[in-house]
Amino acid sequence: MKRVIIESPFAGDVETNLRYLRSCMHECITSDEAPYASHALYTQPGVLDDNIPVQRELGIVAGFAWRDVADLTVVYTDLGITKGMQYGIDDAIRKGRPVEYRTLKGWQP
């Protein structure tokens, strides 16, 4: 399986964004990819609070530590590209990791 970092929205309509992310992860897994999405993992209750700047920054740093072993960054664009997603895209480009833009066929908010 190819190791992929998923870039998708988190802040804002968190419930919809997490439902969207689960669909993105499903697509990756069924496409022989092993997805990683720190924005869903680290923001679970009791881990980090994305609304507290220091904790948000810790989550970003921890997530970026995993990026160095990824084969690809996949950006899901149906809900737009947020500032946080762009931060991840820029990191991938800087490090020479391929970036692929995708949409989910038939996805409805």
Protein backbone atom coordinates (compact mmCIF):
# COMPACT_ATOMS: atom_id res chain seq x y z
CA MET A 1 0.00 0.00 0.00
CA LYS A 2 1.14 3.52 -0.77
CA ARG A 3 1.31 5.75 2.35
CA VAL A 4 -0.69 8.94 1.81
CA ILE A 5 -1.28 12.08 3.83
CA ILE A 6 -4.84 13.35 3.44
CA GLU A 7 -5.46 17.08 3.27
CA SER A 8 -9.12 17.94 3.87
CA PRO A 9 -10.94 20.63 5.86
CA PHE A 10 -11.39 20.34 9.62
CA ALA A 11 -12.40 23.67 11.19
CA GLY A 12 -15.81 25.19 10.61
CA ASP A 13 -18.50 22.55 10.14
CA VAL A 14 -16.48 19.89 11.96
CA GLU A 15 -19.22 17.24 11.79
CA THR A 16 -19.55 17.52 8.01
CA ASN A 17 -15.78 17.79 7.54
CA LEU A 18 -15.15 14.62 9.55
CA ARG A 19 -17.86 12.76 7.63
CA TYR A 20 -16.17 13.92 4.44
CA LEU A 21 -12.77 12.81 5.73
CA ARG A 22 -14.10 9.35 6.54
CA SER A 23 -15.26 9.08 2.91
CA CYS A 24 -11.83 10.24 1.72
CA MET A 25 -10.13 7.63 3.90
CA HIS A 26 -12.46 4.93 2.57
CA GLU A 27 -11.57 5.87 -0.99
CA CYS A 28 -7.86 5.72 -0.20
CA ILE A 29 -8.06 2.35 1.52
CA THR A 30 -10.10 0.80 -1.30
CA SER A 31 -7.53 2.20 -3.76
CA ASP A 32 -4.67 0.29 -2.08
CA GLU A 33 -3.48 3.29 -0.08
CA ALA A 34 -2.83 3.65 3.65
CA PRO A 35 -4.16 7.11 4.61
CA TYR A 36 -3.05 9.27 7.52
CA ALA A 37 -5.08 12.27 8.70
CA SER A 38 -3.63 13.90 11.81
CA HIS A 39 -6.40 16.49 11.87
CA ALA A 40 -8.90 13.75 12.72
CA LEU A 41 -6.66 11.78 15.05
CA TYR A 42 -5.16 14.54 17.18
CA THR A 43 -8.40 16.49 17.61
CA GLN A 44 -10.28 13.68 19.32
CA PRO A 45 -11.57 14.51 22.81
CA GLY A 46 -8.81 14.22 25.39
CA VAL A 47 -5.96 14.54 22.87
CA LEU A 48 -5.64 18.15 21.65
CA ASP A 49 -8.06 21.07 21.32
CA ASP A 50 -7.85 22.67 17.87
CA ASN A 51 -9.34 25.88 19.30
CA ILE A 52 -6.34 26.45 21.59
CA PRO A 53 -3.50 27.88 19.45
CA VAL A 54 -0.67 26.18 21.36
CA GLN A 55 -2.39 22.79 21.11
CA ARG A 56 -3.25 23.34 17.43
CA GLU A 57 0.42 24.08 16.72
CA LEU A 58 1.50 20.92 18.62
CA GLY A 59 -0.88 18.89 16.47
CA ILE A 60 0.50 20.41 13.28
CA VAL A 61 4.10 19.71 14.32
CA ALA A 62 3.27 16.12 15.34
CA GLY A 63 1.36 15.53 12.10
CA PHE A 64 4.20 16.93 10.02
CA ALA A 65 6.64 14.52 11.69
CA TRP A 66 4.76 11.67 10.00
CA ARG A 67 4.82 13.32 6.58
CA ASP A 68 8.45 12.43 5.98
CA VAL A 69 7.56 8.75 5.55
CA ALA A 70 4.61 9.39 3.21
CA ASP A 71 4.71 8.57 -0.48
CA LEU A 72 2.09 11.12 -1.52
CA THR A 73 -0.05 14.01 -0.27
CA VAL A 74 -3.66 13.73 -1.43
CA VAL A 75 -5.75 16.91 -1.36
CA TYR A 76 -9.52 16.44 -1.42
CA THR A 77 -11.05 19.60 -2.88
CA ASP A 78 -14.85 19.16 -2.82
CA LEU A 79 -15.11 21.48 0.20
CA GLY A 80 -12.38 23.88 -0.90
CA ILE A 81 -8.81 24.33 0.29
CA THR A 82 -8.37 25.83 3.73
CA LYS A 83 -5.38 27.70 5.13
CA GLY A 84 -4.39 24.57 7.10
CA MET A 85 -4.60 22.40 3.99
CA GLN A 86 -2.46 24.88 2.06
CA TYR A 87 0.13 24.70 4.83
CA GLY A 88 0.33 20.93 4.25
CA ILE A 89 0.44 21.31 0.46
CA ASP A 90 3.28 23.82 0.73
CA ASP A 91 5.19 21.47 3.04
CA ALA A 92 4.84 18.59 0.56
CA ILE A 93 6.04 20.74 -2.33
CA ARG A 94 9.00 22.05 -0.31
CA LYS A 95 10.03 18.49 0.54
CA GLY A 96 9.54 17.17 -2.98
CA ARG A 97 6.64 14.85 -2.10
CA PRO A 98 4.08 14.48 -4.90
CA VAL A 99 0.73 16.22 -4.41
CA GLU A 100 -2.43 14.86 -6.02
CA TYR A 101 -5.77 16.70 -6.10
CA ARG A 102 -8.96 14.63 -5.94
CA THR A 103 -12.71 14.89 -5.63
CA LEU A 104 -15.15 12.29 -4.33
CA LYS A 105 -17.67 11.20 -6.93
CA GLY A 106 -21.20 11.53 -5.67
CA TRP A 107 -20.29 12.95 -2.26
CA GLN A 108 -23.09 15.00 -0.73
CA PRO A 109 -22.68 17.25 2.34
